[in-house]
N, C-alpha and C. Protein backbone atom coordinates (compact mmCIF):
# COMPACT_ATOMS: atom_id res chain seq x y z
N ASN A 1 5.69 10.44 8.16
CA ASN A 1 7.04 10.11 8.60
C ASN A 1 7.61 11.20 9.48
N ASN A 2 7.10 12.37 9.44
CA ASN A 2 7.68 13.54 10.10
C ASN A 2 7.81 13.41 11.61
N GLY A 3 7.83 12.20 12.15
CA GLY A 3 8.02 12.02 13.57
C GLY A 3 6.73 11.97 14.35
N LEU A 4 5.63 12.42 13.75
CA LEU A 4 4.35 12.44 14.46
C LEU A 4 3.74 11.04 14.53
N GLU A 5 4.09 10.17 13.60
CA GLU A 5 3.52 8.82 13.55
C GLU A 5 4.66 7.82 13.67
N SER A 6 4.75 7.15 14.81
CA SER A 6 5.88 6.25 15.01
C SER A 6 5.49 4.79 15.00
N ASN A 7 4.19 4.48 14.95
CA ASN A 7 3.77 3.10 15.02
C ASN A 7 2.67 2.84 14.02
N PHE A 8 2.88 1.89 13.15
CA PHE A 8 1.90 1.53 12.14
C PHE A 8 1.26 0.22 12.56
N HIS A 9 0.19 0.33 13.33
CA HIS A 9 -0.45 -0.85 13.93
C HIS A 9 -0.93 -1.84 12.90
N ILE A 10 -1.43 -1.35 11.77
CA ILE A 10 -1.95 -2.27 10.75
C ILE A 10 -0.84 -3.20 10.25
N PHE A 11 0.36 -2.66 10.06
CA PHE A 11 1.47 -3.49 9.59
C PHE A 11 1.98 -4.41 10.69
N ASP A 12 2.03 -3.89 11.92
CA ASP A 12 2.43 -4.73 13.04
C ASP A 12 1.50 -5.93 13.16
N SER A 13 0.21 -5.66 13.06
CA SER A 13 -0.78 -6.72 13.18
C SER A 13 -0.60 -7.77 12.08
N ILE A 14 -0.43 -7.31 10.87
CA ILE A 14 -0.24 -8.24 9.74
C ILE A 14 1.04 -9.04 9.92
N LEU A 15 2.11 -8.37 10.25
CA LEU A 15 3.41 -9.04 10.32
C LEU A 15 3.53 -9.97 11.53
N HIS A 16 2.70 -9.75 12.55
CA HIS A 16 2.70 -10.65 13.70
C HIS A 16 1.77 -11.84 13.51
N ASN A 17 1.03 -11.84 12.42
CA ASN A 17 0.10 -12.93 12.13
C ASN A 17 0.37 -13.53 10.76
N LEU A 18 1.65 -13.69 10.42
CA LEU A 18 2.02 -14.16 9.09
C LEU A 18 1.51 -15.56 8.79
N ASP A 19 1.50 -16.45 9.77
CA ASP A 19 0.98 -17.80 9.53
C ASP A 19 -0.49 -17.75 9.14
N TYR A 20 -1.24 -16.93 9.87
CA TYR A 20 -2.67 -16.79 9.57
C TYR A 20 -2.86 -16.20 8.18
N ILE A 21 -2.11 -15.13 7.88
CA ILE A 21 -2.21 -14.47 6.57
C ILE A 21 -1.84 -15.45 5.46
N ASN A 22 -0.75 -16.21 5.67
CA ASN A 22 -0.31 -17.19 4.69
C ASN A 22 -1.41 -18.22 4.42
N ASN A 23 -1.99 -18.77 5.48
CA ASN A 23 -3.06 -19.77 5.33
C ASN A 23 -4.29 -19.17 4.67
N LEU A 24 -4.62 -17.95 5.03
CA LEU A 24 -5.77 -17.27 4.45
C LEU A 24 -5.60 -17.13 2.94
N PHE A 25 -4.45 -16.63 2.52
CA PHE A 25 -4.20 -16.46 1.09
C PHE A 25 -4.15 -17.81 0.37
N LEU A 26 -3.57 -18.82 0.99
CA LEU A 26 -3.54 -20.15 0.38
C LEU A 26 -4.95 -20.69 0.19
N ASN A 27 -5.80 -20.53 1.21
CA ASN A 27 -7.18 -21.00 1.12
C ASN A 27 -7.98 -20.26 0.05
N ILE A 28 -7.67 -19.00 -0.14
CA ILE A 28 -8.36 -18.22 -1.17
C ILE A 28 -7.93 -18.69 -2.56
N GLY A 29 -6.67 -19.13 -2.69
CA GLY A 29 -6.19 -19.60 -3.98
C GLY A 29 -4.94 -18.92 -4.49
N PHE A 30 -4.33 -18.07 -3.68
CA PHE A 30 -3.07 -17.44 -4.08
C PHE A 30 -1.97 -18.49 -4.08
N THR A 31 -0.97 -18.30 -4.94
CA THR A 31 0.16 -19.22 -4.99
C THR A 31 1.18 -18.85 -3.91
N GLU A 32 2.06 -19.79 -3.60
CA GLU A 32 3.13 -19.53 -2.62
C GLU A 32 3.97 -18.32 -3.03
N ILE A 33 4.28 -18.22 -4.32
CA ILE A 33 5.10 -17.10 -4.82
C ILE A 33 4.37 -15.78 -4.63
N GLN A 34 3.07 -15.75 -4.94
CA GLN A 34 2.29 -14.53 -4.73
C GLN A 34 2.28 -14.13 -3.26
N ILE A 35 2.11 -15.10 -2.39
CA ILE A 35 2.06 -14.82 -0.95
C ILE A 35 3.39 -14.28 -0.45
N ILE A 36 4.48 -14.87 -0.89
CA ILE A 36 5.81 -14.39 -0.49
C ILE A 36 6.00 -12.95 -0.93
N LYS A 37 5.61 -12.64 -2.17
CA LYS A 37 5.77 -11.27 -2.67
C LYS A 37 4.89 -10.29 -1.89
N ILE A 38 3.65 -10.69 -1.59
CA ILE A 38 2.75 -9.83 -0.81
C ILE A 38 3.35 -9.55 0.56
N ILE A 39 3.80 -10.59 1.23
CA ILE A 39 4.36 -10.42 2.58
C ILE A 39 5.64 -9.58 2.54
N ASN A 40 6.48 -9.79 1.54
CA ASN A 40 7.71 -9.00 1.43
C ASN A 40 7.40 -7.52 1.21
N ILE A 41 6.41 -7.23 0.39
CA ILE A 41 6.03 -5.83 0.18
C ILE A 41 5.51 -5.24 1.49
N LEU A 42 4.67 -6.01 2.19
CA LEU A 42 4.16 -5.54 3.48
C LEU A 42 5.29 -5.29 4.47
N LYS A 43 6.30 -6.14 4.46
CA LYS A 43 7.45 -5.96 5.36
C LYS A 43 8.25 -4.70 5.00
N SER A 44 8.30 -4.36 3.71
CA SER A 44 9.12 -3.23 3.27
C SER A 44 8.51 -1.88 3.62
N ILE A 45 7.20 -1.80 3.67
CA ILE A 45 6.52 -0.51 3.84
C ILE A 45 6.92 0.22 5.13
N PRO A 46 6.90 -0.44 6.30
CA PRO A 46 7.33 0.30 7.51
C PRO A 46 8.78 0.78 7.44
N TYR A 47 9.66 -0.01 6.81
CA TYR A 47 11.06 0.43 6.65
C TYR A 47 11.13 1.72 5.84
N ILE A 48 10.38 1.75 4.75
CA ILE A 48 10.42 2.92 3.86
C ILE A 48 9.88 4.15 4.58
N PHE A 49 8.79 3.97 5.34
CA PHE A 49 8.21 5.11 6.07
C PHE A 49 9.17 5.69 7.09
N LYS A 50 10.07 4.90 7.61
CA LYS A 50 10.97 5.39 8.67
C LYS A 50 12.25 6.00 8.13
N LEU A 51 12.43 6.01 6.81
CA LEU A 51 13.67 6.51 6.23
C LEU A 51 13.76 8.03 6.30
N ASP A 52 14.97 8.49 6.61
CA ASP A 52 15.35 9.89 6.47
C ASP A 52 16.87 9.91 6.27
N LEU A 53 17.44 11.09 6.15
CA LEU A 53 18.88 11.16 5.86
C LEU A 53 19.75 10.54 6.94
N SER A 54 19.25 10.50 8.17
CA SER A 54 20.06 9.95 9.26
C SER A 54 20.12 8.43 9.27
N ASN A 55 19.19 7.76 8.59
CA ASN A 55 19.17 6.29 8.66
C ASN A 55 19.08 5.58 7.31
N ILE A 56 19.25 6.31 6.23
CA ILE A 56 19.22 5.67 4.91
C ILE A 56 20.64 5.16 4.60
N THR A 57 20.89 3.94 5.05
CA THR A 57 22.21 3.34 4.93
C THR A 57 22.22 2.31 3.80
N VAL A 58 23.40 1.85 3.47
CA VAL A 58 23.54 0.80 2.46
C VAL A 58 22.78 -0.44 2.90
N ASP A 59 22.92 -0.80 4.17
CA ASP A 59 22.23 -2.00 4.68
C ASP A 59 20.72 -1.87 4.58
N THR A 60 20.20 -0.70 4.93
CA THR A 60 18.76 -0.48 4.85
C THR A 60 18.27 -0.59 3.41
N ILE A 61 18.98 0.04 2.50
CA ILE A 61 18.61 -0.02 1.08
C ILE A 61 18.67 -1.46 0.57
N VAL A 62 19.71 -2.20 0.97
CA VAL A 62 19.83 -3.61 0.56
C VAL A 62 18.66 -4.42 1.11
N ASP A 63 18.31 -4.22 2.38
CA ASP A 63 17.19 -4.95 2.99
C ASP A 63 15.89 -4.68 2.23
N ILE A 64 15.61 -3.41 1.96
CA ILE A 64 14.38 -3.04 1.28
C ILE A 64 14.39 -3.54 -0.17
N SER A 65 15.52 -3.38 -0.85
CA SER A 65 15.58 -3.84 -2.25
C SER A 65 15.43 -5.36 -2.35
N ASP A 66 15.95 -6.09 -1.36
CA ASP A 66 15.77 -7.55 -1.34
C ASP A 66 14.29 -7.90 -1.16
N LEU A 67 13.61 -7.20 -0.26
CA LEU A 67 12.18 -7.46 -0.04
C LEU A 67 11.36 -7.16 -1.29
N LEU A 68 11.73 -6.10 -2.01
CA LEU A 68 10.96 -5.69 -3.19
C LEU A 68 11.48 -6.32 -4.49
N SER A 69 12.56 -7.07 -4.40
CA SER A 69 13.17 -7.71 -5.57
C SER A 69 13.52 -6.69 -6.66
N ILE A 70 14.11 -5.58 -6.24
CA ILE A 70 14.58 -4.59 -7.21
C ILE A 70 16.05 -4.27 -6.92
N ASP A 71 16.72 -3.74 -7.91
CA ASP A 71 18.13 -3.40 -7.80
C ASP A 71 18.35 -2.33 -6.73
N LYS A 72 19.34 -2.56 -5.86
CA LYS A 72 19.59 -1.64 -4.75
C LYS A 72 20.02 -0.25 -5.22
N ASN A 73 20.78 -0.19 -6.30
CA ASN A 73 21.21 1.11 -6.82
C ASN A 73 20.03 1.90 -7.39
N THR A 74 19.14 1.20 -8.08
CA THR A 74 17.95 1.84 -8.62
C THR A 74 17.08 2.37 -7.49
N LEU A 75 16.87 1.55 -6.47
CA LEU A 75 16.06 1.98 -5.31
C LEU A 75 16.69 3.20 -4.65
N HIS A 76 17.99 3.17 -4.44
CA HIS A 76 18.68 4.30 -3.80
C HIS A 76 18.48 5.58 -4.61
N LYS A 77 18.61 5.49 -5.93
CA LYS A 77 18.41 6.67 -6.79
C LYS A 77 16.97 7.17 -6.72
N ILE A 78 16.01 6.25 -6.74
CA ILE A 78 14.59 6.63 -6.67
C ILE A 78 14.30 7.42 -5.40
N LEU A 79 14.87 6.96 -4.29
CA LEU A 79 14.56 7.56 -3.00
C LEU A 79 15.39 8.79 -2.65
N THR A 80 16.55 8.96 -3.27
CA THR A 80 17.45 10.03 -2.82
C THR A 80 17.74 11.14 -3.82
N GLU A 81 17.37 10.94 -5.08
CA GLU A 81 17.72 11.98 -6.06
C GLU A 81 16.72 12.07 -7.20
N LYS A 82 16.75 13.22 -7.85
CA LYS A 82 15.91 13.45 -9.02
C LYS A 82 16.83 13.88 -10.15
N THR A 83 16.59 13.34 -11.33
CA THR A 83 17.36 13.71 -12.50
C THR A 83 16.44 14.43 -13.48
N SER A 84 16.88 15.59 -13.95
CA SER A 84 16.10 16.37 -14.90
C SER A 84 16.93 16.63 -16.14
N ASN A 85 16.27 16.66 -17.28
CA ASN A 85 16.93 17.01 -18.53
C ASN A 85 16.62 18.46 -18.83
N ILE A 86 17.66 19.29 -18.80
CA ILE A 86 17.50 20.71 -19.07
C ILE A 86 18.48 21.08 -20.18
N ALA A 87 17.94 21.56 -21.29
CA ALA A 87 18.75 21.97 -22.44
C ALA A 87 19.73 20.87 -22.85
N ASN A 88 19.19 19.67 -23.03
CA ASN A 88 19.98 18.50 -23.45
C ASN A 88 21.09 18.13 -22.47
N GLU A 89 20.93 18.54 -21.24
CA GLU A 89 21.91 18.21 -20.21
C GLU A 89 21.18 17.60 -19.02
N GLN A 90 21.74 16.51 -18.49
CA GLN A 90 21.14 15.87 -17.32
C GLN A 90 21.65 16.53 -16.04
N ILE A 91 20.69 16.96 -15.23
CA ILE A 91 21.02 17.59 -13.96
C ILE A 91 20.53 16.67 -12.84
N LYS A 92 21.43 16.31 -11.93
CA LYS A 92 21.08 15.46 -10.79
C LYS A 92 20.92 16.34 -9.56
N ILE A 93 19.75 16.19 -8.91
CA ILE A 93 19.47 16.95 -7.69
C ILE A 93 19.28 15.94 -6.55
N VAL A 94 20.10 16.06 -5.52
CA VAL A 94 20.00 15.18 -4.35
C VAL A 94 18.98 15.81 -3.39
N TYR A 95 18.05 14.98 -2.92
CA TYR A 95 17.01 15.46 -2.02
C TYR A 95 17.57 15.86 -0.67
N ASN A 96 17.01 16.93 -0.10
CA ASN A 96 17.31 17.25 1.29
C ASN A 96 16.43 16.34 2.16
N ASN A 97 16.55 16.45 3.47
CA ASN A 97 15.86 15.53 4.38
C ASN A 97 14.33 15.57 4.21
N SER A 98 13.74 16.75 4.15
CA SER A 98 12.28 16.82 4.03
C SER A 98 11.80 16.29 2.68
N GLU A 99 12.56 16.53 1.62
CA GLU A 99 12.20 15.98 0.31
C GLU A 99 12.31 14.46 0.30
N LEU A 100 13.38 13.94 0.92
CA LEU A 100 13.57 12.49 1.00
C LEU A 100 12.42 11.85 1.78
N ILE A 101 12.03 12.44 2.89
CA ILE A 101 10.91 11.92 3.69
C ILE A 101 9.63 11.91 2.87
N GLU A 102 9.39 12.99 2.14
CA GLU A 102 8.18 13.07 1.31
C GLU A 102 8.19 12.01 0.21
N VAL A 103 9.33 11.82 -0.44
CA VAL A 103 9.46 10.80 -1.49
C VAL A 103 9.24 9.40 -0.90
N CYS A 104 9.86 9.14 0.24
CA CYS A 104 9.71 7.82 0.88
C CYS A 104 8.27 7.56 1.30
N ASP A 105 7.62 8.57 1.88
CA ASP A 105 6.22 8.42 2.29
C ASP A 105 5.33 8.14 1.07
N THR A 106 5.54 8.90 0.02
CA THR A 106 4.75 8.72 -1.20
C THR A 106 4.99 7.34 -1.80
N PHE A 107 6.24 6.92 -1.84
CA PHE A 107 6.60 5.61 -2.38
C PHE A 107 5.93 4.50 -1.57
N ALA A 108 5.99 4.60 -0.25
CA ALA A 108 5.38 3.58 0.62
C ALA A 108 3.86 3.56 0.45
N MET A 109 3.23 4.72 0.37
CA MET A 109 1.78 4.76 0.19
C MET A 109 1.37 4.18 -1.16
N LYS A 110 2.14 4.47 -2.20
CA LYS A 110 1.85 3.90 -3.52
C LYS A 110 2.02 2.39 -3.51
N LEU A 111 3.06 1.91 -2.85
CA LEU A 111 3.25 0.46 -2.73
C LEU A 111 2.04 -0.18 -2.08
N TYR A 112 1.58 0.41 -0.99
CA TYR A 112 0.43 -0.14 -0.28
C TYR A 112 -0.81 -0.10 -1.16
N GLU A 113 -1.03 1.02 -1.83
CA GLU A 113 -2.19 1.16 -2.72
C GLU A 113 -2.16 0.10 -3.82
N LYS A 114 -1.02 -0.04 -4.47
CA LYS A 114 -0.89 -1.02 -5.57
C LYS A 114 -1.06 -2.44 -5.04
N LEU A 115 -0.52 -2.72 -3.87
CA LEU A 115 -0.65 -4.05 -3.28
C LEU A 115 -2.11 -4.35 -2.96
N PHE A 116 -2.80 -3.39 -2.36
CA PHE A 116 -4.21 -3.57 -2.01
C PHE A 116 -5.02 -3.84 -3.28
N THR A 117 -4.80 -3.06 -4.32
CA THR A 117 -5.50 -3.25 -5.59
C THR A 117 -5.19 -4.62 -6.18
N TYR A 118 -3.93 -5.02 -6.12
CA TYR A 118 -3.51 -6.33 -6.63
C TYR A 118 -4.25 -7.46 -5.90
N ILE A 119 -4.32 -7.35 -4.58
CA ILE A 119 -5.00 -8.40 -3.79
C ILE A 119 -6.48 -8.46 -4.14
N VAL A 120 -7.14 -7.30 -4.19
CA VAL A 120 -8.58 -7.27 -4.52
C VAL A 120 -8.82 -7.81 -5.92
N ASP A 121 -8.01 -7.38 -6.88
CA ASP A 121 -8.17 -7.87 -8.26
C ASP A 121 -8.01 -9.38 -8.33
N ASN A 122 -7.01 -9.91 -7.62
CA ASN A 122 -6.79 -11.36 -7.65
C ASN A 122 -7.90 -12.13 -6.94
N ILE A 123 -8.43 -11.59 -5.87
CA ILE A 123 -9.56 -12.24 -5.22
C ILE A 123 -10.75 -12.27 -6.17
N ASN A 124 -10.98 -11.18 -6.88
CA ASN A 124 -12.07 -11.15 -7.86
C ASN A 124 -11.87 -12.18 -8.96
N ILE A 125 -10.64 -12.34 -9.42
CA ILE A 125 -10.33 -13.34 -10.45
C ILE A 125 -10.53 -14.74 -9.89
N LEU A 126 -10.00 -14.99 -8.70
CA LEU A 126 -10.10 -16.33 -8.10
C LEU A 126 -11.55 -16.72 -7.82
N PHE A 127 -12.37 -15.75 -7.43
CA PHE A 127 -13.77 -16.04 -7.16
C PHE A 127 -14.66 -15.85 -8.38
N LYS A 128 -14.00 -15.57 -9.52
CA LYS A 128 -14.71 -15.37 -10.79
C LYS A 128 -15.83 -14.33 -10.66
N VAL A 129 -15.48 -13.21 -10.04
CA VAL A 129 -16.43 -12.12 -9.86
C VAL A 129 -16.49 -11.31 -11.15
N GLU A 130 -17.71 -11.02 -11.58
CA GLU A 130 -17.88 -10.23 -12.79
C GLU A 130 -17.51 -8.77 -12.52
N LYS A 131 -16.92 -8.16 -13.52
CA LYS A 131 -16.58 -6.75 -13.41
C LYS A 131 -17.86 -5.93 -13.42
N ILE A 132 -17.97 -5.00 -12.51
CA ILE A 132 -19.15 -4.15 -12.42
C ILE A 132 -18.96 -2.94 -13.33
N ASP A 133 -19.97 -2.63 -14.11
CA ASP A 133 -19.94 -1.45 -14.95
C ASP A 133 -19.95 -0.21 -14.06
N THR A 134 -18.87 0.56 -14.11
CA THR A 134 -18.76 1.71 -13.21
C THR A 134 -19.81 2.77 -13.49
N LEU A 135 -20.38 2.77 -14.71
CA LEU A 135 -21.40 3.76 -15.01
C LEU A 135 -22.71 3.48 -14.28
N SER A 136 -22.90 2.22 -13.89
CA SER A 136 -24.15 1.89 -13.20
C SER A 136 -23.93 1.67 -11.70
N THR A 137 -22.81 2.10 -11.18
CA THR A 137 -22.51 1.93 -9.76
C THR A 137 -22.74 3.24 -9.02
N VAL A 138 -23.35 3.13 -7.88
CA VAL A 138 -23.57 4.30 -7.03
C VAL A 138 -22.71 4.11 -5.79
N GLY A 139 -21.87 5.06 -5.47
CA GLY A 139 -21.03 4.99 -4.29
C GLY A 139 -21.62 5.85 -3.19
N LEU A 140 -21.68 5.32 -1.98
CA LEU A 140 -22.19 6.07 -0.84
C LEU A 140 -21.06 6.30 0.15
N LEU A 141 -21.01 7.49 0.69
CA LEU A 141 -19.99 7.84 1.65
C LEU A 141 -20.61 8.00 3.03
N ASP A 142 -20.10 7.24 3.97
CA ASP A 142 -20.52 7.38 5.36
C ASP A 142 -19.67 8.49 5.96
N ILE A 143 -20.24 9.68 6.10
CA ILE A 143 -19.44 10.83 6.54
C ILE A 143 -18.89 10.66 7.94
N PHE A 144 -19.47 9.75 8.73
CA PHE A 144 -18.97 9.54 10.08
C PHE A 144 -17.77 8.60 10.11
N GLY A 145 -17.41 8.01 8.97
CA GLY A 145 -16.29 7.08 8.92
C GLY A 145 -14.94 7.77 8.83
N PHE A 146 -14.93 9.07 8.54
CA PHE A 146 -13.69 9.80 8.38
C PHE A 146 -13.50 10.75 9.56
N GLU A 147 -12.37 10.63 10.22
CA GLU A 147 -12.06 11.54 11.30
C GLU A 147 -11.31 12.73 10.72
N SER A 148 -11.44 13.85 11.35
CA SER A 148 -10.73 15.04 10.94
C SER A 148 -9.55 15.21 11.89
N ILE A 149 -8.40 14.69 11.47
CA ILE A 149 -7.21 14.73 12.30
C ILE A 149 -6.17 15.58 11.56
N GLU A 150 -5.53 16.47 12.29
CA GLU A 150 -4.55 17.36 11.66
C GLU A 150 -3.49 16.57 10.87
N PRO A 151 -2.68 15.72 11.51
CA PRO A 151 -1.74 14.91 10.72
C PRO A 151 -2.38 13.56 10.39
N ASN A 152 -3.06 13.47 9.25
CA ASN A 152 -3.74 12.24 8.89
C ASN A 152 -2.71 11.22 8.42
N SER A 153 -2.55 10.15 9.17
CA SER A 153 -1.49 9.17 8.96
C SER A 153 -1.89 8.11 7.95
N LEU A 154 -0.93 7.31 7.52
CA LEU A 154 -1.22 6.18 6.63
C LEU A 154 -2.15 5.21 7.32
N GLU A 155 -1.94 5.01 8.62
CA GLU A 155 -2.80 4.11 9.37
C GLU A 155 -4.25 4.57 9.28
N GLN A 156 -4.48 5.87 9.46
CA GLN A 156 -5.83 6.41 9.37
C GLN A 156 -6.37 6.26 7.95
N LEU A 157 -5.51 6.49 6.96
CA LEU A 157 -5.92 6.31 5.57
C LEU A 157 -6.36 4.87 5.32
N CYS A 158 -5.59 3.91 5.82
CA CYS A 158 -5.94 2.49 5.66
C CYS A 158 -7.27 2.17 6.33
N ILE A 159 -7.48 2.71 7.51
CA ILE A 159 -8.73 2.49 8.22
C ILE A 159 -9.89 3.09 7.44
N ASN A 160 -9.72 4.33 6.98
CA ASN A 160 -10.78 4.99 6.23
C ASN A 160 -11.09 4.25 4.93
N TYR A 161 -10.04 3.83 4.24
CA TYR A 161 -10.23 3.11 2.98
C TYR A 161 -10.94 1.78 3.21
N THR A 162 -10.53 1.06 4.24
CA THR A 162 -11.18 -0.21 4.57
C THR A 162 -12.64 0.02 4.94
N ASN A 163 -12.91 1.05 5.73
CA ASN A 163 -14.30 1.37 6.08
C ASN A 163 -15.13 1.65 4.84
N GLU A 164 -14.54 2.35 3.88
CA GLU A 164 -15.26 2.67 2.65
C GLU A 164 -15.57 1.40 1.86
N ILE A 165 -14.62 0.47 1.78
CA ILE A 165 -14.83 -0.80 1.08
C ILE A 165 -15.93 -1.59 1.78
N LEU A 166 -15.88 -1.65 3.10
CA LEU A 166 -16.91 -2.36 3.85
C LEU A 166 -18.28 -1.72 3.64
N GLN A 167 -18.32 -0.40 3.60
CA GLN A 167 -19.58 0.31 3.35
C GLN A 167 -20.14 -0.09 1.99
N GLN A 168 -19.30 -0.11 0.95
CA GLN A 168 -19.74 -0.50 -0.39
C GLN A 168 -20.21 -1.95 -0.39
N PHE A 169 -19.50 -2.80 0.34
CA PHE A 169 -19.86 -4.22 0.43
C PHE A 169 -21.26 -4.38 1.03
N VAL A 170 -21.52 -3.67 2.12
CA VAL A 170 -22.83 -3.76 2.77
C VAL A 170 -23.91 -3.22 1.84
N VAL A 171 -23.65 -2.10 1.19
CA VAL A 171 -24.63 -1.54 0.26
C VAL A 171 -24.93 -2.53 -0.86
N LEU A 172 -23.90 -3.15 -1.40
CA LEU A 172 -24.11 -4.14 -2.46
C LEU A 172 -24.93 -5.32 -1.96
N LEU A 173 -24.65 -5.77 -0.75
CA LEU A 173 -25.42 -6.88 -0.20
C LEU A 173 -26.89 -6.49 -0.07
N ILE A 174 -27.14 -5.29 0.37
CA ILE A 174 -28.52 -4.82 0.54
C ILE A 174 -29.20 -4.67 -0.82
N ILE A 175 -28.50 -4.01 -1.76
CA ILE A 175 -29.07 -3.80 -3.09
C ILE A 175 -29.34 -5.13 -3.79
N ASN A 176 -28.40 -6.04 -3.68
CA ASN A 176 -28.53 -7.33 -4.36
C ASN A 176 -29.29 -8.36 -3.53
N LYS A 177 -29.78 -7.97 -2.37
CA LYS A 177 -30.53 -8.85 -1.48
C LYS A 177 -29.80 -10.17 -1.27
N LEU A 178 -28.51 -10.02 -0.88
CA LEU A 178 -27.66 -11.16 -0.57
C LEU A 178 -27.42 -12.07 -1.77
N SER A 179 -27.41 -11.49 -2.97
CA SER A 179 -27.05 -12.25 -4.15
C SER A 179 -25.54 -12.41 -4.19
N PRO A 180 -24.96 -13.01 -5.22
CA PRO A 180 -23.50 -13.24 -5.23
C PRO A 180 -22.71 -11.99 -4.86
N ILE A 181 -21.67 -12.21 -4.09
CA ILE A 181 -20.85 -11.14 -3.53
C ILE A 181 -19.91 -10.59 -4.59
N ARG A 182 -19.80 -9.27 -4.63
CA ARG A 182 -18.84 -8.60 -5.53
C ARG A 182 -18.01 -7.66 -4.67
N ILE A 183 -16.72 -7.67 -4.87
CA ILE A 183 -15.86 -6.74 -4.15
C ILE A 183 -15.59 -5.58 -5.08
N VAL A 184 -15.89 -4.37 -4.62
CA VAL A 184 -15.73 -3.16 -5.43
C VAL A 184 -14.76 -2.24 -4.71
N TYR A 185 -13.90 -1.62 -5.44
CA TYR A 185 -13.01 -0.63 -4.85
C TYR A 185 -12.91 0.56 -5.77
């Protein structure tokens, strides 16, 4: 969020192809309610990444809280302050701009991570994929899939994570000689 990354292409791409995404999820077996929640979370992430003290307004908080279906006051407190209990007394600390940016970035990344996991888990359930015993799984890392960039952005993280999933998928296909597909993360 520190100004070095102003465009999140992955989210732009998703949000500009909502009809396709909606149909894709419907065909896989997601419900309308699940799809609406997924899309709303995806819509909220770029807003959260762009927050700082200069633009965290009541309207912005209301927009994000509506997308996430959470109370606006709770969201505002999560993003702007920390409460600590010290000697049986509650101390409220309001974040400065850099702390607020860090909290918002972390919150947005966690939202994306949880959403991605939710989607993969649901696809596995819908396709009745058996859970793989993690003790018998070997993970391979394609060292050329990760770029060494000074400010590694969420976009780069998403690309790297997706590359890693695709790498595991290909390895599984090769190991299983094109037997039933399993999605592993």
